[in-house]
């Protein structure tokens, strides 16, 4: 039997997360994006010895590693393989109806980026995979080689905010008619050739936005986030806190809009003089503006530079 590899990932804004989600009393925490477990370990270390952290991840490699590094914590740590969009169901299986804090650290982990076989990186040649859950069948290779040009263009434009989306989508379709695109290196080179050299972004690889868009599409990241946020509020106890760290502008905007709606209460049209919807605020937004990494953290961990952390607290309705 092989040895499960250690999962290395540099947690972003670890101190801020602990400060905003920590409860002085025994509490149940849920880390919905376990990854390498840095946030989970920080919460375990900061909380009373009877507190519990449930770590959810859809990457089987992360769960296998967590079963090893988490063993010293005993019953205080429960790793769960699953998709966080099924949060309520996963917690019900563990017989937990309510919890005290929930964290989402969205995006891809350093381990996934730095493992060529996972196919997330344009810098490391590997199979064009990009699945966070390796038990699912749909891969980036299938998307790149089967999707209509209009679908590829829409993904690149909406998820990647790529100026050259149409041109790149057409180049991919022409190339795959000649030979299937199966590796990250081939796709990255194709994108670089397609974008005019003078239009290359100054500080990132020209394929960055395309790889981001493909990854988010393969893993259905925006739909999963939309599905889980209402569940997260529902399972929080009054006084419990929800923290979401986003690295993509679309994700951050989705979180911002959701938190504002949940904190607003009445959704009646302005022309109605008296509330008839009866909707009450369910959240209090703790971070009026999103927290961002310090300059020192961004220097130490450049991948943290786009992080935005938003936190809200469940109200007693």
C-alpha atoms as a PDB file:
ATOM      1  CA  UNK A   1       0.000   0.000   0.000  1.00  0.00           C
ATOM      2  CA  UNK A   2       1.352   3.447  -0.952  1.00  0.00           C
ATOM      3  CA  UNK A   3       1.899   6.284   1.465  1.00  0.00           C
ATOM      4  CA  UNK A   4      -0.544   9.152   1.171  1.00  0.00           C
ATOM      5  CA  UNK A   5       1.370  12.298   0.156  1.00  0.00           C
ATOM      6  CA  UNK A   6       1.352  15.311   2.434  1.00  0.00           C
ATOM      7  CA  UNK A   7      -0.886  18.092   1.157  1.00  0.00           C
ATOM      8  CA  UNK A   8       0.927  21.411   1.266  1.00  0.00           C
ATOM      9  CA  UNK A   9      -1.111  24.602   1.126  1.00  0.00           C
ATOM     10  CA  UNK A  10      -0.405  28.055   2.492  1.00  0.00           C
ATOM     11  CA  UNK A  11      -3.486  29.307   4.335  1.00  0.00           C
ATOM     12  CA  UNK A  12      -4.440  32.890   3.527  1.00  0.00           C
ATOM     13  CA  UNK A  13      -5.363  35.335   6.320  1.00  0.00           C
ATOM     14  CA  UNK A  14      -5.169  32.578   8.910  1.00  0.00           C
ATOM     15  CA  UNK A  15      -5.080  34.963  11.885  1.00  0.00           C
ATOM     16  CA  UNK A  16      -7.993  37.008  10.563  1.00  0.00           C
ATOM     17  CA  UNK A  17     -10.086  33.885  10.008  1.00  0.00           C
ATOM     18  CA  UNK A  18      -9.459  32.633  13.538  1.00  0.00           C
ATOM     19  CA  UNK A  19     -10.131  36.034  15.082  1.00  0.00           C
ATOM     20  CA  UNK A  20     -13.461  36.455  13.289  1.00  0.00           C
ATOM     21  CA  UNK A  21     -14.798  32.893  13.553  1.00  0.00           C
ATOM     22  CA  UNK A  22     -13.385  31.828  16.925  1.00  0.00           C
ATOM     23  CA  UNK A  23     -15.726  31.100  19.837  1.00  0.00           C
ATOM     24  CA  UNK A  24     -14.388  31.171  23.401  1.00  0.00           C
ATOM     25  CA  UNK A  25     -16.841  28.457  24.409  1.00  0.00           C
ATOM     26  CA  UNK A  26     -16.850  24.920  22.960  1.00  0.00           C
ATOM     27  CA  UNK A  27     -18.146  25.127  19.413  1.00  0.00           C
ATOM     28  CA  UNK A  28     -18.648  23.199  16.187  1.00  0.00           C
ATOM     29  CA  UNK A  29     -16.755  24.593  13.201  1.00  0.00           C
ATOM     30  CA  UNK A  30     -17.124  23.529   9.581  1.00  0.00           C
ATOM     31  CA  UNK A  31     -14.278  24.087   7.138  1.00  0.00           C
ATOM     32  CA  UNK A  32     -16.054  23.504   3.833  1.00  0.00           C
ATOM     33  CA  UNK A  33     -12.824  23.676   1.810  1.00  0.00           C
ATOM     34  CA  UNK A  34     -10.430  21.594   3.881  1.00  0.00           C
ATOM     35  CA  UNK A  35      -7.514  21.434   1.427  1.00  0.00           C
ATOM     36  CA  UNK A  36      -4.260  21.003   3.321  1.00  0.00           C
ATOM     37  CA  UNK A  37      -6.022  21.747   6.615  1.00  0.00           C
ATOM     38  CA  UNK A  38      -4.169  24.901   7.659  1.00  0.00           C
ATOM     39  CA  UNK A  39      -7.324  26.800   8.595  1.00  0.00           C
ATOM     40  CA  UNK A  40      -8.709  23.691  10.294  1.00  0.00           C
ATOM     41  CA  UNK A  41      -5.571  23.215  12.402  1.00  0.00           C
ATOM     42  CA  UNK A  42      -5.576  26.889  13.349  1.00  0.00           C
ATOM     43  CA  UNK A  43      -9.182  26.665  14.516  1.00  0.00           C
ATOM     44  CA  UNK A  44      -8.460  23.483  16.472  1.00  0.00           C
ATOM     45  CA  UNK A  45      -5.490  25.107  18.191  1.00  0.00           C
ATOM     46  CA  UNK A  46      -7.380  28.306  19.016  1.00  0.00           C
ATOM     47  CA  UNK A  47     -10.559  26.678  20.343  1.00  0.00           C
ATOM     48  CA  UNK A  48     -11.327  24.940  23.645  1.00  0.00           C
ATOM     49  CA  UNK A  49     -10.385  21.251  23.832  1.00  0.00           C
ATOM     50  CA  UNK A  50     -13.990  20.141  23.539  1.00  0.00           C
ATOM     51  CA  UNK A  51     -14.567  22.002  20.270  1.00  0.00           C
ATOM     52  CA  UNK A  52     -15.014  20.101  17.011  1.00  0.00           C
ATOM     53  CA  UNK A  53     -13.977  20.892  13.448  1.00  0.00           C
ATOM     54  CA  UNK A  54     -15.611  19.164  10.490  1.00  0.00           C
ATOM     55  CA  UNK A  55     -13.490  19.366   7.364  1.00  0.00           C
ATOM     56  CA  UNK A  56     -15.206  18.889   3.994  1.00  0.00           C
ATOM     57  CA  UNK A  57     -13.416  18.507   0.679  1.00  0.00           C
ATOM     58  CA  UNK A  58     -14.326  16.960  -2.649  1.00  0.00           C
ATOM     59  CA  UNK A  59     -10.719  16.025  -3.389  1.00  0.00           C
ATOM     60  CA  UNK A  60     -10.139  12.443  -2.176  1.00  0.00           C
ATOM     61  CA  UNK A  61      -6.394  13.140  -1.879  1.00  0.00           C
ATOM     62  CA  UNK A  62      -7.047  15.893   0.656  1.00  0.00           C
ATOM     63  CA  UNK A  63      -9.285  13.630   2.716  1.00  0.00           C
ATOM     64  CA  UNK A  64      -6.764  10.770   2.643  1.00  0.00           C
ATOM     65  CA  UNK A  65      -4.018  13.112   3.823  1.00  0.00           C
ATOM     66  CA  UNK A  66      -6.293  14.593   6.516  1.00  0.00           C
ATOM     67  CA  UNK A  67      -6.972  11.153   7.941  1.00  0.00           C
ATOM     68  CA  UNK A  68      -3.245  10.932   8.641  1.00  0.00           C
ATOM     69  CA  UNK A  69      -2.324  14.435   9.822  1.00  0.00           C
ATOM     70  CA  UNK A  70      -5.614  14.739  11.712  1.00  0.00           C
ATOM     71  CA  UNK A  71      -5.219  11.580  13.765  1.00  0.00           C
ATOM     72  CA  UNK A  72      -3.557  13.345  16.760  1.00  0.00           C
ATOM     73  CA  UNK A  73      -6.706  15.452  17.142  1.00  0.00           C
ATOM     74  CA  UNK A  74      -8.811  12.348  17.666  1.00  0.00           C
ATOM     75  CA  UNK A  75     -12.573  12.891  17.774  1.00  0.00           C
ATOM     76  CA  UNK A  76     -12.123  16.673  17.634  1.00  0.00           C
ATOM     77  CA  UNK A  77     -11.580  16.511  13.867  1.00  0.00           C
ATOM     78  CA  UNK A  78     -13.915  14.838  11.367  1.00  0.00           C
ATOM     79  CA  UNK A  79     -12.798  14.769   7.697  1.00  0.00           C
ATOM     80  CA  UNK A  80     -15.615  14.279   5.182  1.00  0.00           C
ATOM     81  CA  UNK A  81     -15.355  13.586   1.468  1.00  0.00           C
ATOM     82  CA  UNK A  82     -18.140  15.472  -0.277  1.00  0.00           C
ATOM     83  CA  UNK A  83     -19.220  18.507  -2.263  1.00  0.00           C
ATOM     84  CA  UNK A  84     -19.961  21.510  -0.081  1.00  0.00           C
ATOM     85  CA  UNK A  85     -23.082  22.201  -2.128  1.00  0.00           C
ATOM     86  CA  UNK A  86     -24.510  19.238  -0.168  1.00  0.00           C
ATOM     87  CA  UNK A  87     -23.618  20.872   3.163  1.00  0.00           C
ATOM     88  CA  UNK A  88     -26.953  20.327   4.906  1.00  0.00           C
ATOM     89  CA  UNK A  89     -27.067  16.670   3.868  1.00  0.00           C
ATOM     90  CA  UNK A  90     -23.467  16.019   4.898  1.00  0.00           C
ATOM     91  CA  UNK A  91     -24.067  17.537   8.333  1.00  0.00           C
ATOM     92  CA  UNK A  92     -27.326  15.618   8.762  1.00  0.00           C
ATOM     93  CA  UNK A  93     -25.443  12.364   8.122  1.00  0.00           C
ATOM     94  CA  UNK A  94     -23.181  13.308  11.005  1.00  0.00           C
ATOM     95  CA  UNK A  95     -26.258  14.107  13.139  1.00  0.00           C
ATOM     96  CA  UNK A  96     -25.480  17.837  13.349  1.00  0.00           C
ATOM     97  CA  UNK A  97     -28.465  20.101  12.766  1.00  0.00           C
ATOM     98  CA  UNK A  98     -26.700  23.337  13.725  1.00  0.00           C
ATOM     99  CA  UNK A  99     -23.106  24.569  13.923  1.00  0.00           C
ATOM    100  CA  UNK A 100     -21.326  27.641  15.262  1.00  0.00           C
ATOM    101  CA  UNK A 101     -19.041  28.731  12.427  1.00  0.00           C
ATOM    102  CA  UNK A 102     -18.622  27.946   8.732  1.00  0.00           C
ATOM    103  CA  UNK A 103     -15.637  28.788   6.528  1.00  0.00           C
ATOM    104  CA  UNK A 104     -15.259  28.722   2.759  1.00  0.00           C
ATOM    105  CA  UNK A 105     -11.783  29.274   1.291  1.00  0.00           C
ATOM    106  CA  UNK A 106     -12.761  29.203  -2.372  1.00  0.00           C
ATOM    107  CA  UNK A 107     -10.658  28.359  -5.391  1.00  0.00           C
ATOM    108  CA  UNK A 108      -7.864  25.895  -5.993  1.00  0.00           C
ATOM    109  CA  UNK A 109      -5.258  24.794  -3.444  1.00  0.00           C
ATOM    110  CA  UNK A 110      -1.506  25.119  -3.809  1.00  0.00           C
ATOM    111  CA  UNK A 111      -1.274  21.315  -3.768  1.00  0.00           C
ATOM    112  CA  UNK A 112      -3.616  21.049  -6.736  1.00  0.00           C
ATOM    113  CA  UNK A 113      -1.797  23.781  -8.653  1.00  0.00           C
ATOM    114  CA  UNK A 114       1.629  22.299  -7.981  1.00  0.00           C
ATOM    115  CA  UNK A 115       0.753  18.714  -8.915  1.00  0.00           C
ATOM    116  CA  UNK A 116       1.169  18.337 -12.712  1.00  0.00           C
ATOM    117  CA  UNK A 117      -1.033  15.242 -12.881  1.00  0.00           C
ATOM    118  CA  UNK A 118      -4.021  17.263 -11.660  1.00  0.00           C
ATOM    119  CA  UNK A 119      -3.867  19.509 -14.721  1.00  0.00           C
ATOM    120  CA  UNK A 120      -4.654  22.831 -13.053  1.00  0.00           C
ATOM    121  CA  UNK A 121      -1.475  24.711 -13.970  1.00  0.00           C
ATOM    122  CA  UNK A 122      -0.349  26.189 -17.274  1.00  0.00           C
ATOM    123  CA  UNK A 123       3.216  26.226 -15.911  1.00  0.00           C
ATOM    124  CA  UNK A 124       3.469  22.466 -15.357  1.00  0.00           C
ATOM    125  CA  UNK A 125       2.674  20.168 -18.256  1.00  0.00           C
ATOM    126  CA  UNK A 126       0.184  17.441 -17.413  1.00  0.00           C
ATOM    127  CA  UNK A 127      -3.114  15.936 -18.507  1.00  0.00           C
ATOM    128  CA  UNK A 128      -5.875  18.473 -19.076  1.00  0.00           C
ATOM    129  CA  UNK A 129      -7.904  17.361 -16.058  1.00  0.00           C
ATOM    130  CA  UNK A 130      -8.788  20.131 -13.538  1.00  0.00           C
ATOM    131  CA  UNK A 131     -11.223  18.024 -11.503  1.00  0.00           C
ATOM    132  CA  UNK A 132     -11.288  18.915  -7.819  1.00  0.00           C
ATOM    133  CA  UNK A 133     -13.154  15.662  -7.224  1.00  0.00           C
ATOM    134  CA  UNK A 134     -11.272  12.988  -9.134  1.00  0.00           C
ATOM    135  CA  UNK A 135     -14.267  10.657  -8.845  1.00  0.00           C
ATOM    136  CA  UNK A 136     -16.275  12.786 -11.265  1.00  0.00           C
ATOM    137  CA  UNK A 137     -15.972  11.916 -14.953  1.00  0.00           C
ATOM    138  CA  UNK A 138     -16.138  15.338 -16.666  1.00  0.00           C
ATOM    139  CA  UNK A 139     -12.705  16.865 -17.241  1.00  0.00           C
ATOM    140  CA  UNK A 140     -11.247  19.977 -18.809  1.00  0.00           C
ATOM    141  CA  UNK A 141     -10.106  17.813 -21.713  1.00  0.00           C
ATOM    142  CA  UNK A 142     -13.718  16.870 -22.431  1.00  0.00           C
ATOM    143  CA  UNK A 143     -14.815  20.493 -22.204  1.00  0.00           C
ATOM    144  CA  UNK A 144     -12.042  21.808 -24.449  1.00  0.00           C
ATOM    145  CA  UNK A 145     -12.494  19.114 -27.090  1.00  0.00           C
ATOM    146  CA  UNK A 146     -16.282  18.772 -27.123  1.00  0.00           C
ATOM    147  CA  UNK A 147     -17.907  22.095 -26.249  1.00  0.00           C
ATOM    148  CA  UNK A 148     -19.264  24.260 -29.094  1.00  0.00           C
ATOM    149  CA  UNK A 149     -17.279  27.376 -29.883  1.00  0.00           C
ATOM    150  CA  UNK A 150     -20.062  29.596 -28.497  1.00  0.00           C
ATOM    151  CA  UNK A 151     -19.956  27.783 -25.147  1.00  0.00           C
ATOM    152  CA  UNK A 152     -16.184  28.114 -24.883  1.00  0.00           C
ATOM    153  CA  UNK A 153     -16.375  31.793 -25.763  1.00  0.00           C
ATOM    154  CA  UNK A 154     -19.031  32.387 -23.102  1.00  0.00           C
ATOM    155  CA  UNK A 155     -16.987  30.595 -20.425  1.00  0.00           C
ATOM    156  CA  UNK A 156     -13.831  32.510 -21.278  1.00  0.00           C
ATOM    157  CA  UNK A 157     -15.692  35.824 -21.294  1.00  0.00           C
ATOM    158  CA  UNK A 158     -17.877  35.421 -18.198  1.00  0.00           C
ATOM    159  CA  UNK A 159     -15.640  33.368 -15.912  1.00  0.00           C
ATOM    160  CA  UNK A 160     -12.216  34.409 -17.185  1.00  0.00           C
ATOM    161  CA  UNK A 161     -13.085  37.984 -18.145  1.00  0.00           C
ATOM    162  CA  UNK A 162     -10.864  37.332 -21.152  1.00  0.00           C
ATOM    163  CA  UNK A 163     -10.781  40.090 -23.771  1.00  0.00           C
ATOM    164  CA  UNK A 164      -9.762  37.631 -26.503  1.00  0.00           C
ATOM    165  CA  UNK A 165     -12.400  35.006 -25.631  1.00  0.00           C
ATOM    166  CA  UNK A 166     -13.853  34.698 -29.128  1.00  0.00           C
ATOM    167  CA  UNK A 167     -10.489  34.460 -30.835  1.00  0.00           C
ATOM    168  CA  UNK A 168      -9.198  31.853 -28.374  1.00  0.00           C
ATOM    169  CA  UNK A 169     -12.375  29.744 -28.603  1.00  0.00           C
ATOM    170  CA  UNK A 170     -12.104  29.655 -32.375  1.00  0.00           C
ATOM    171  CA  UNK A 171      -8.412  28.762 -32.242  1.00  0.00           C
ATOM    172  CA  UNK A 172      -9.190  25.857 -29.891  1.00  0.00           C
ATOM    173  CA  UNK A 173     -11.878  24.499 -32.214  1.00  0.00           C
ATOM    174  CA  UNK A 174      -9.546  24.705 -35.227  1.00  0.00           C
ATOM    175  CA  UNK A 175      -6.747  22.970 -33.322  1.00  0.00           C
ATOM    176  CA  UNK A 176      -8.908  20.154 -31.956  1.00  0.00           C
ATOM    177  CA  UNK A 177     -10.160  19.391 -35.470  1.00  0.00           C
ATOM    178  CA  UNK A 178      -6.558  18.680 -36.377  1.00  0.00           C
ATOM    179  CA  UNK A 179      -5.605  16.852 -33.176  1.00  0.00           C
ATOM    180  CA  UNK A 180      -7.189  16.551 -29.710  1.00  0.00           C
ATOM    181  CA  UNK A 181      -5.882  18.947 -27.043  1.00  0.00           C
ATOM    182  CA  UNK A 182      -4.994  16.677 -24.143  1.00  0.00           C
ATOM    183  CA  UNK A 183      -2.287  18.448 -22.113  1.00  0.00           C
ATOM    184  CA  UNK A 184      -1.984  21.712 -20.246  1.00  0.00           C
ATOM    185  CA  UNK A 185       1.241  22.675 -21.995  1.00  0.00           C
ATOM    186  CA  UNK A 186      -0.327  22.392 -25.450  1.00  0.00           C
ATOM    187  CA  UNK A 187      -3.321  24.491 -24.420  1.00  0.00           C
ATOM    188  CA  UNK A 188      -1.161  27.152 -22.770  1.00  0.00           C
ATOM    189  CA  UNK A 189       1.021  27.420 -25.876  1.00  0.00           C
ATOM    190  CA  UNK A 190      -2.038  27.672 -28.110  1.00  0.00           C
ATOM    191  CA  UNK A 191      -3.499  30.503 -26.049  1.00  0.00           C
ATOM    192  CA  UNK A 192      -0.170  32.335 -25.986  1.00  0.00           C
ATOM    193  CA  UNK A 193       0.085  32.076 -29.793  1.00  0.00           C
ATOM    194  CA  UNK A 194      -3.478  33.273 -30.253  1.00  0.00           C
ATOM    195  CA  UNK A 195      -3.276  36.463 -28.192  1.00  0.00           C
ATOM    196  CA  UNK A 196      -1.204  39.173 -29.928  1.00  0.00           C
ATOM    197  CA  UNK A 197       2.156  39.493 -28.168  1.00  0.00           C
ATOM    198  CA  UNK A 198       1.618  43.203 -27.569  1.00  0.00           C
ATOM    199  CA  UNK A 199      -1.654  42.398 -25.778  1.00  0.00           C
ATOM    200  CA  UNK A 200      -0.199  39.931 -23.286  1.00  0.00           C
ATOM    201  CA  UNK A 201      -0.996  40.954 -19.683  1.00  0.00           C
ATOM    202  CA  UNK A 202       2.099  42.412 -17.998  1.00  0.00           C
ATOM    203  CA  UNK A 203       2.225  40.372 -14.782  1.00  0.00           C
ATOM    204  CA  UNK A 204       0.507  37.056 -15.549  1.00  0.00           C
ATOM    205  CA  UNK A 205       0.832  34.295 -18.118  1.00  0.00           C
ATOM    206  CA  UNK A 206      -1.450  34.921 -21.138  1.00  0.00           C
ATOM    207  CA  UNK A 207      -3.270  31.632 -20.462  1.00  0.00           C
ATOM    208  CA  UNK A 208      -4.076  32.481 -16.812  1.00  0.00           C
ATOM    209  CA  UNK A 209      -7.653  33.604 -17.388  1.00  0.00           C
ATOM    210  CA  UNK A 210      -8.438  30.700 -19.726  1.00  0.00           C
ATOM    211  CA  UNK A 211      -7.250  28.112 -17.187  1.00  0.00           C
ATOM    212  CA  UNK A 212      -9.219  29.871 -14.450  1.00  0.00           C
ATOM    213  CA  UNK A 213     -12.380  29.831 -16.549  1.00  0.00           C
ATOM    214  CA  UNK A 214     -12.021  26.169 -17.501  1.00  0.00           C
ATOM    215  CA  UNK A 215     -11.399  25.129 -13.893  1.00  0.00           C
ATOM    216  CA  UNK A 216     -14.455  27.020 -12.641  1.00  0.00           C
ATOM    217  CA  UNK A 217     -16.617  25.548 -15.391  1.00  0.00           C
ATOM    218  CA  UNK A 218     -15.445  21.949 -14.904  1.00  0.00           C
ATOM    219  CA  UNK A 219     -16.089  22.141 -11.162  1.00  0.00           C
ATOM    220  CA  UNK A 220     -19.251  24.265 -11.407  1.00  0.00           C
ATOM    221  CA  UNK A 221     -17.856  26.607  -8.800  1.00  0.00           C
ATOM    222  CA  UNK A 222     -20.321  29.502  -9.100  1.00  0.00           C
ATOM    223  CA  UNK A 223     -23.436  27.265  -9.087  1.00  0.00           C
ATOM    224  CA  UNK A 224     -22.048  25.351  -6.100  1.00  0.00           C
ATOM    225  CA  UNK A 225     -21.507  28.592  -4.190  1.00  0.00           C
ATOM    226  CA  UNK A 226     -25.014  29.811  -4.992  1.00  0.00           C
ATOM    227  CA  UNK A 227     -26.440  26.499  -3.781  1.00  0.00           C
ATOM    228  CA  UNK A 228     -24.549  26.362  -0.492  1.00  0.00           C
ATOM    229  CA  UNK A 229     -24.837  29.899   0.891  1.00  0.00           C
ATOM    230  CA  UNK A 230     -28.527  29.613   1.901  1.00  0.00           C
ATOM    231  CA  UNK A 231     -27.777  26.219   3.472  1.00  0.00           C
ATOM    232  CA  UNK A 232     -24.920  27.708   5.457  1.00  0.00           C
ATOM    233  CA  UNK A 233     -27.173  30.375   6.944  1.00  0.00           C
ATOM    234  CA  UNK A 234     -29.852  27.790   7.734  1.00  0.00           C
ATOM    235  CA  UNK A 235     -27.512  25.499   9.708  1.00  0.00           C
ATOM    236  CA  UNK A 236     -25.808  28.289  11.684  1.00  0.00           C
ATOM    237  CA  UNK A 237     -26.904  28.809  15.253  1.00  0.00           C
ATOM    238  CA  UNK A 238     -27.873  32.363  16.240  1.00  0.00           C
ATOM    239  CA  UNK A 239     -24.607  34.140  16.958  1.00  0.00           C
ATOM    240  CA  UNK A 240     -22.731  31.787  14.652  1.00  0.00           C
ATOM    241  CA  UNK A 241     -20.550  33.224  11.920  1.00  0.00           C
ATOM    242  CA  UNK A 242     -20.087  32.589   8.228  1.00  0.00           C
ATOM    243  CA  UNK A 243     -16.770  33.432   6.579  1.00  0.00           C
ATOM    244  CA  UNK A 244     -16.161  33.336   2.837  1.00  0.00           C
ATOM    245  CA  UNK A 245     -12.776  33.962   1.233  1.00  0.00           C
ATOM    246  CA  UNK A 246     -12.978  34.500  -2.526  1.00  0.00           C
ATOM    247  CA  UNK A 247     -10.228  34.929  -5.096  1.00  0.00           C
ATOM    248  CA  UNK A 248     -12.446  35.562  -8.123  1.00  0.00           C
ATOM    249  CA  UNK A 249     -14.395  38.765  -8.686  1.00  0.00           C
ATOM    250  CA  UNK A 250     -17.529  36.857  -9.683  1.00  0.00           C
ATOM    251  CA  UNK A 251     -17.433  34.776  -6.517  1.00  0.00           C
ATOM    252  CA  UNK A 252     -16.824  37.810  -4.332  1.00  0.00           C
ATOM    253  CA  UNK A 253     -19.695  39.708  -5.952  1.00  0.00           C
ATOM    254  CA  UNK A 254     -21.994  36.732  -5.434  1.00  0.00           C
ATOM    255  CA  UNK A 255     -21.067  36.556  -1.745  1.00  0.00           C
ATOM    256  CA  UNK A 256     -21.388  40.325  -1.299  1.00  0.00           C
ATOM    257  CA  UNK A 257     -24.854  40.372  -2.880  1.00  0.00           C
ATOM    258  CA  UNK A 258     -26.050  37.399  -0.834  1.00  0.00           C
ATOM    259  CA  UNK A 259     -24.859  38.805   2.487  1.00  0.00           C
ATOM    260  CA  UNK A 260     -26.437  42.189   1.776  1.00  0.00           C
ATOM    261  CA  UNK A 261     -29.760  40.603   0.868  1.00  0.00           C
ATOM    262  CA  UNK A 262     -29.759  38.476   4.015  1.00  0.00           C
ATOM    263  CA  UNK A 263     -28.917  41.508   6.144  1.00  0.00           C
ATOM    264  CA  UNK A 264     -31.530  43.755   4.540  1.00  0.00           C
ATOM    265  CA  UNK A 265     -34.766  42.064   5.490  1.00  0.00           C
ATOM    266  CA  UNK A 266     -37.720  43.523   3.584  1.00  0.00           C
ATOM    267  CA  UNK A 267     -37.609  42.950  -0.177  1.00  0.00           C
ATOM    268  CA  UNK A 268     -40.817  44.768  -1.074  1.00  0.00           C
ATOM    269  CA  UNK A 269     -40.657  47.148  -4.057  1.00  0.00           C
ATOM    270  CA  UNK A 270     -39.975  50.797  -3.097  1.00  0.00           C
ATOM    271  CA  UNK A 271     -43.412  51.906  -4.307  1.00  0.00           C
ATOM    272  CA  UNK A 272     -45.161  49.812  -1.637  1.00  0.00           C
ATOM    273  CA  UNK A 273     -45.499  52.096   1.437  1.00  0.00           C
ATOM    274  CA  UNK A 274     -45.767  49.259   3.977  1.00  0.00           C
ATOM    275  CA  UNK A 275     -43.929  45.951   4.117  1.00  0.00           C
ATOM    276  CA  UNK A 276     -46.034  43.022   3.006  1.00  0.00           C
ATOM    277  CA  UNK A 277     -43.283  40.414   2.492  1.00  0.00           C
ATOM    278  CA  UNK A 278     -42.582  39.977   6.193  1.00  0.00           C
ATOM    279  CA  UNK A 279     -38.984  39.015   5.535  1.00  0.00           C
ATOM    280  CA  UNK A 280     -36.675  39.650   8.481  1.00  0.00           C
ATOM    281  CA  UNK A 281     -32.890  40.104   8.379  1.00  0.00           C
ATOM    282  CA  UNK A 282     -31.087  36.833   9.050  1.00  0.00           C
ATOM    283  CA  UNK A 283     -27.507  38.135   9.064  1.00  0.00           C
ATOM    284  CA  UNK A 284     -25.434  41.012  10.364  1.00  0.00           C
ATOM    285  CA  UNK A 285     -22.521  41.818   8.096  1.00  0.00           C
ATOM    286  CA  UNK A 286     -19.379  41.957  10.245  1.00  0.00           C
ATOM    287  CA  UNK A 287     -16.952  43.089   7.526  1.00  0.00           C
ATOM    288  CA  UNK A 288     -18.454  46.149   5.851  1.00  0.00           C
ATOM    289  CA  UNK A 289     -15.551  46.001   3.428  1.00  0.00           C
ATOM    290  CA  UNK A 290     -13.796  42.742   2.599  1.00  0.00           C
ATOM    291  CA  UNK A 291     -10.564  42.039   4.424  1.00  0.00           C
ATOM    292  CA  UNK A 292      -7.477  41.623   2.262  1.00  0.00           C
ATOM    293  CA  UNK A 293      -4.039  40.145   3.008  1.00  0.00           C
ATOM    294  CA  UNK A 294      -1.387  42.403   4.471  1.00  0.00           C
ATOM    295  CA  UNK A 295       1.451  43.581   2.216  1.00  0.00           C
ATOM    296  CA  UNK A 296       3.801  41.237   4.079  1.00  0.00           C
ATOM    297  CA  UNK A 297       1.525  38.252   3.456  1.00  0.00           C
ATOM    298  CA  UNK A 298       1.172  39.106  -0.221  1.00  0.00           C
ATOM    299  CA  UNK A 299       4.943  39.326  -0.490  1.00  0.00           C
ATOM    300  CA  UNK A 300       5.408  35.985   1.261  1.00  0.00           C
ATOM    301  CA  UNK A 301       2.552  34.330  -0.640  1.00  0.00           C
ATOM    302  CA  UNK A 302       1.857  36.025  -3.997  1.00  0.00           C
ATOM    303  CA  UNK A 303      -1.106  33.708  -4.597  1.00  0.00           C
ATOM    304  CA  UNK A 304      -2.918  35.490  -1.756  1.00  0.00           C
ATOM    305  CA  UNK A 305      -3.006  38.865  -3.495  1.00  0.00           C
ATOM    306  CA  UNK A 306      -6.555  38.550  -4.873  1.00  0.00           C
ATOM    307  CA  UNK A 307      -8.127  37.176  -1.667  1.00  0.00           C
ATOM    308  CA  UNK A 308     -11.200  38.896  -0.225  1.00  0.00           C
ATOM    309  CA  UNK A 309     -12.644  37.752   3.117  1.00  0.00           C
ATOM    310  CA  UNK A 310     -16.239  38.571   4.077  1.00  0.00           C
ATOM    311  CA  UNK A 311     -17.830  37.574   7.396  1.00  0.00           C
ATOM    312  CA  UNK A 312     -21.411  37.754   8.652  1.00  0.00           C
ATOM    313  CA  UNK A 313     -23.145  36.727  11.884  1.00  0.00           C
ATOM    314  CA  UNK A 314     -26.441  34.863  12.209  1.00  0.00           C
ATOM    315  CA  UNK A 315     -29.159  36.867  13.944  1.00  0.00           C
ATOM    316  CA  UNK A 316     -31.871  35.584  16.272  1.00  0.00           C
ATOM    317  CA  UNK A 317     -35.023  35.791  14.166  1.00  0.00           C
END
